[in-house]
Amino acid sequence: MADRDPDASRVSRDNLNRMAFGMVEDAPFDASGRLVIPPVMRRLGQLEDLAFFSGFGNVIEIWNPLVLIETPGAAPEFVEMVKWLLEEKGIK
């Protein structure tokens, strides 16, 4: 794409920066100390009744496990672990 459009890599980089730094939403804690995921983030993450938390370094990802399984490029071992966890809970 960059061969056809010299600005393509710039647009792509700008979009990545927007996604990384522009899509920030405060996530409050309730009276019990639980993290409350804002509605817009639940919608973007397709979080409904299931959530899979994955942590590495100082990052925590929250996935809809059914979306994670279908995500191209997800590590096969990661997908298998999520499938196993769902099976253990009698889901899917």
N, C-alpha and C. Protein backbone atom coordinates (compact mmCIF):
# COMPACT_ATOMS: atom_id res chain seq x y z
N MET A 1 0.82 -1.18 0.00
CA MET A 1 0.00 0.00 0.00
C MET A 1 0.88 1.26 0.00
N ALA A 2 1.97 1.20 0.72
CA ALA A 2 2.84 2.37 0.79
C ALA A 2 3.45 2.69 -0.57
N ASP A 3 3.62 1.66 -1.43
CA ASP A 3 4.15 1.91 -2.77
C ASP A 3 3.19 2.76 -3.59
N ARG A 4 1.90 2.55 -3.42
CA ARG A 4 0.89 3.29 -4.18
C ARG A 4 0.55 4.62 -3.56
N ASP A 5 0.66 4.70 -2.25
CA ASP A 5 0.26 5.92 -1.54
C ASP A 5 1.37 6.28 -0.55
N PRO A 6 2.17 7.29 -0.86
CA PRO A 6 3.29 7.62 0.03
C PRO A 6 2.86 8.03 1.43
N ASP A 7 1.60 8.46 1.60
CA ASP A 7 1.12 8.85 2.92
C ASP A 7 0.51 7.69 3.69
N ALA A 8 0.44 6.50 3.09
CA ALA A 8 -0.24 5.36 3.71
C ALA A 8 0.40 4.97 5.04
N SER A 9 1.73 4.93 5.10
CA SER A 9 2.37 4.54 6.36
C SER A 9 2.12 5.59 7.43
N ARG A 10 2.06 6.85 7.06
CA ARG A 10 1.78 7.94 8.01
C ARG A 10 0.36 7.81 8.56
N VAL A 11 -0.60 7.55 7.66
CA VAL A 11 -1.99 7.39 8.09
C VAL A 11 -2.10 6.20 9.02
N SER A 12 -1.46 5.12 8.66
CA SER A 12 -1.50 3.92 9.49
C SER A 12 -0.90 4.20 10.87
N ARG A 13 0.24 4.89 10.90
CA ARG A 13 0.90 5.21 12.17
C ARG A 13 0.01 6.14 13.00
N ASP A 14 -0.62 7.11 12.34
CA ASP A 14 -1.52 8.02 13.06
C ASP A 14 -2.70 7.25 13.65
N ASN A 15 -3.26 6.34 12.89
CA ASN A 15 -4.37 5.54 13.41
C ASN A 15 -3.94 4.69 14.59
N LEU A 16 -2.76 4.12 14.52
CA LEU A 16 -2.25 3.32 15.65
C LEU A 16 -2.08 4.20 16.88
N ASN A 17 -1.55 5.39 16.69
CA ASN A 17 -1.39 6.32 17.82
C ASN A 17 -2.73 6.71 18.41
N ARG A 18 -3.72 6.95 17.54
CA ARG A 18 -5.06 7.28 18.04
C ARG A 18 -5.61 6.14 18.88
N MET A 19 -5.44 4.93 18.38
CA MET A 19 -5.96 3.77 19.10
C MET A 19 -5.25 3.60 20.44
N ALA A 20 -3.95 3.83 20.45
CA ALA A 20 -3.17 3.60 21.66
C ALA A 20 -3.36 4.71 22.70
N PHE A 21 -3.47 5.94 22.24
CA PHE A 21 -3.46 7.04 23.18
C PHE A 21 -4.74 7.87 23.19
N GLY A 22 -5.53 7.77 22.15
CA GLY A 22 -6.73 8.60 22.05
C GLY A 22 -7.97 7.93 22.58
N MET A 23 -7.95 6.62 22.71
CA MET A 23 -9.13 5.90 23.16
C MET A 23 -8.96 5.56 24.64
N VAL A 24 -8.94 6.58 25.44
CA VAL A 24 -8.74 6.42 26.88
C VAL A 24 -10.02 6.84 27.58
N GLU A 25 -10.40 6.06 28.53
CA GLU A 25 -11.62 6.35 29.30
C GLU A 25 -11.32 6.04 30.76
N ASP A 26 -11.71 6.93 31.66
CA ASP A 26 -11.53 6.66 33.08
C ASP A 26 -12.36 5.45 33.47
N ALA A 27 -11.77 4.60 34.26
CA ALA A 27 -12.46 3.42 34.76
C ALA A 27 -12.48 3.52 36.29
N PRO A 28 -13.62 3.89 36.85
CA PRO A 28 -13.71 4.07 38.30
C PRO A 28 -13.76 2.72 39.03
N PHE A 29 -13.60 2.80 40.31
CA PHE A 29 -13.77 1.64 41.18
C PHE A 29 -15.05 1.84 41.98
N ASP A 30 -15.78 0.74 42.20
CA ASP A 30 -16.99 0.87 43.01
C ASP A 30 -16.64 0.82 44.49
N ALA A 31 -17.63 0.88 45.36
CA ALA A 31 -17.40 0.91 46.80
C ALA A 31 -16.68 -0.33 47.32
N SER A 32 -16.79 -1.43 46.59
CA SER A 32 -16.12 -2.68 46.99
C SER A 32 -14.70 -2.78 46.44
N GLY A 33 -14.28 -1.78 45.66
CA GLY A 33 -12.94 -1.81 45.09
C GLY A 33 -12.86 -2.50 43.74
N ARG A 34 -14.01 -2.82 43.13
CA ARG A 34 -14.01 -3.49 41.83
C ARG A 34 -13.93 -2.45 40.72
N LEU A 35 -13.19 -2.79 39.70
CA LEU A 35 -13.07 -1.94 38.52
C LEU A 35 -14.39 -1.95 37.76
N VAL A 36 -14.88 -0.78 37.40
CA VAL A 36 -16.11 -0.66 36.63
C VAL A 36 -15.72 -0.28 35.20
N ILE A 37 -15.95 -1.18 34.26
CA ILE A 37 -15.60 -0.91 32.87
C ILE A 37 -16.67 0.00 32.27
N PRO A 38 -16.26 1.16 31.76
CA PRO A 38 -17.23 2.11 31.20
C PRO A 38 -18.02 1.48 30.03
N PRO A 39 -19.27 1.90 29.88
CA PRO A 39 -20.11 1.32 28.81
C PRO A 39 -19.49 1.39 27.42
N VAL A 40 -18.85 2.50 27.07
CA VAL A 40 -18.26 2.60 25.73
C VAL A 40 -17.16 1.56 25.54
N MET A 41 -16.39 1.29 26.58
CA MET A 41 -15.33 0.29 26.47
C MET A 41 -15.91 -1.13 26.42
N ARG A 42 -17.00 -1.35 27.16
CA ARG A 42 -17.67 -2.66 27.07
C ARG A 42 -18.18 -2.88 25.65
N ARG A 43 -18.73 -1.84 25.07
CA ARG A 43 -19.25 -1.96 23.71
C ARG A 43 -18.13 -2.21 22.70
N LEU A 44 -17.07 -1.41 22.77
CA LEU A 44 -15.95 -1.59 21.84
C LEU A 44 -15.30 -2.97 21.99
N GLY A 45 -15.22 -3.45 23.22
CA GLY A 45 -14.62 -4.76 23.48
C GLY A 45 -15.58 -5.92 23.33
N GLN A 46 -16.81 -5.62 22.98
CA GLN A 46 -17.85 -6.64 22.84
C GLN A 46 -17.96 -7.48 24.12
N LEU A 47 -17.82 -6.81 25.25
CA LEU A 47 -17.90 -7.49 26.54
C LEU A 47 -19.35 -7.56 26.98
N GLU A 48 -19.83 -8.75 27.14
CA GLU A 48 -21.21 -8.96 27.56
C GLU A 48 -21.19 -9.72 28.88
N ASP A 49 -21.42 -11.01 28.81
CA ASP A 49 -21.47 -11.79 30.05
C ASP A 49 -20.15 -12.52 30.34
N LEU A 50 -19.21 -12.51 29.39
CA LEU A 50 -17.93 -13.19 29.58
C LEU A 50 -16.79 -12.20 29.41
N ALA A 51 -15.74 -12.40 30.20
CA ALA A 51 -14.54 -11.58 30.04
C ALA A 51 -13.33 -12.43 30.40
N PHE A 52 -12.30 -12.31 29.60
CA PHE A 52 -11.03 -13.01 29.84
C PHE A 52 -9.97 -11.95 30.09
N PHE A 53 -9.32 -12.01 31.25
CA PHE A 53 -8.29 -11.05 31.63
C PHE A 53 -6.93 -11.67 31.38
N SER A 54 -6.06 -10.92 30.71
CA SER A 54 -4.71 -11.38 30.45
C SER A 54 -3.76 -10.26 30.83
N GLY A 55 -2.76 -10.57 31.62
CA GLY A 55 -1.82 -9.55 32.05
C GLY A 55 -0.41 -9.88 31.65
N PHE A 56 0.33 -8.84 31.26
CA PHE A 56 1.74 -8.98 30.97
C PHE A 56 2.41 -7.64 31.21
N GLY A 57 3.50 -7.65 31.95
CA GLY A 57 4.15 -6.40 32.29
C GLY A 57 3.19 -5.51 33.06
N ASN A 58 3.05 -4.28 32.63
CA ASN A 58 2.12 -3.36 33.30
C ASN A 58 0.84 -3.17 32.49
N VAL A 59 0.50 -4.16 31.67
CA VAL A 59 -0.67 -4.11 30.81
C VAL A 59 -1.65 -5.22 31.17
N ILE A 60 -2.92 -4.88 31.22
CA ILE A 60 -3.97 -5.87 31.38
C ILE A 60 -4.90 -5.73 30.20
N GLU A 61 -5.14 -6.84 29.50
CA GLU A 61 -6.10 -6.86 28.41
C GLU A 61 -7.36 -7.56 28.90
N ILE A 62 -8.50 -7.05 28.46
CA ILE A 62 -9.78 -7.68 28.79
C ILE A 62 -10.44 -8.03 27.47
N TRP A 63 -10.67 -9.31 27.26
CA TRP A 63 -11.22 -9.82 26.00
C TRP A 63 -12.57 -10.49 26.21
N ASN A 64 -13.43 -10.39 25.22
CA ASN A 64 -14.54 -11.32 25.12
C ASN A 64 -13.87 -12.60 24.62
N PRO A 65 -13.92 -13.70 25.37
CA PRO A 65 -13.18 -14.89 24.97
C PRO A 65 -13.62 -15.46 23.62
N LEU A 66 -14.88 -15.29 23.27
CA LEU A 66 -15.36 -15.79 21.99
C LEU A 66 -14.79 -14.97 20.84
N VAL A 67 -14.58 -13.68 21.06
CA VAL A 67 -13.94 -12.82 20.06
C VAL A 67 -12.47 -13.18 19.94
N LEU A 68 -11.81 -13.40 21.07
CA LEU A 68 -10.39 -13.74 21.05
C LEU A 68 -10.15 -15.00 20.23
N ILE A 69 -10.99 -16.00 20.39
CA ILE A 69 -10.84 -17.27 19.66
C ILE A 69 -10.89 -17.04 18.15
N GLU A 70 -11.69 -16.09 17.71
CA GLU A 70 -11.86 -15.83 16.28
C GLU A 70 -10.92 -14.76 15.73
N THR A 71 -10.05 -14.21 16.57
CA THR A 71 -9.17 -13.13 16.14
C THR A 71 -7.99 -13.66 15.34
N PRO A 72 -7.87 -13.24 14.07
CA PRO A 72 -6.73 -13.67 13.26
C PRO A 72 -5.42 -13.23 13.91
N GLY A 73 -4.45 -14.11 13.91
CA GLY A 73 -3.15 -13.78 14.45
C GLY A 73 -3.00 -14.00 15.95
N ALA A 74 -4.07 -14.40 16.64
CA ALA A 74 -3.94 -14.70 18.07
C ALA A 74 -3.07 -15.94 18.23
N ALA A 75 -2.22 -15.94 19.22
CA ALA A 75 -1.32 -17.07 19.44
C ALA A 75 -2.13 -18.35 19.65
N PRO A 76 -1.82 -19.41 18.91
CA PRO A 76 -2.59 -20.65 19.01
C PRO A 76 -2.67 -21.21 20.44
N GLU A 77 -1.58 -21.10 21.19
CA GLU A 77 -1.59 -21.60 22.57
C GLU A 77 -2.54 -20.79 23.44
N PHE A 78 -2.59 -19.52 23.19
CA PHE A 78 -3.48 -18.62 23.92
C PHE A 78 -4.94 -18.98 23.62
N VAL A 79 -5.24 -19.20 22.35
CA VAL A 79 -6.58 -19.59 21.93
C VAL A 79 -6.97 -20.91 22.56
N GLU A 80 -6.06 -21.87 22.57
CA GLU A 80 -6.36 -23.18 23.17
C GLU A 80 -6.62 -23.06 24.66
N MET A 81 -5.87 -22.20 25.34
CA MET A 81 -6.09 -22.01 26.77
C MET A 81 -7.49 -21.43 27.02
N VAL A 82 -7.89 -20.45 26.21
CA VAL A 82 -9.20 -19.84 26.37
C VAL A 82 -10.30 -20.87 26.08
N LYS A 83 -10.12 -21.67 25.04
CA LYS A 83 -11.09 -22.72 24.72
C LYS A 83 -11.23 -23.69 25.90
N TRP A 84 -10.10 -24.07 26.50
CA TRP A 84 -10.13 -24.99 27.63
C TRP A 84 -10.86 -24.36 28.81
N LEU A 85 -10.58 -23.09 29.10
CA LEU A 85 -11.27 -22.42 30.21
C LEU A 85 -12.78 -22.37 29.97
N LEU A 86 -13.18 -22.10 28.74
CA LEU A 86 -14.62 -22.08 28.41
C LEU A 86 -15.23 -23.47 28.61
N GLU A 87 -14.53 -24.50 28.14
CA GLU A 87 -15.02 -25.88 28.31
C GLU A 87 -15.16 -26.23 29.78
N GLU A 88 -14.19 -25.80 30.58
CA GLU A 88 -14.24 -26.08 32.02
C GLU A 88 -15.49 -25.45 32.67
N LYS A 89 -15.93 -24.35 32.12
CA LYS A 89 -17.12 -23.67 32.65
C LYS A 89 -18.40 -24.13 31.94
N GLY A 90 -18.24 -25.09 31.01
CA GLY A 90 -19.40 -25.60 30.29
C GLY A 90 -19.94 -24.65 29.24
N ILE A 91 -19.07 -23.80 28.71
CA ILE A 91 -19.48 -22.81 27.71
C ILE A 91 -18.91 -23.21 26.36
N LYS A 92 -19.78 -23.15 25.38
CA LYS A 92 -19.44 -23.43 23.98
C LYS A 92 -19.05 -24.81 23.72
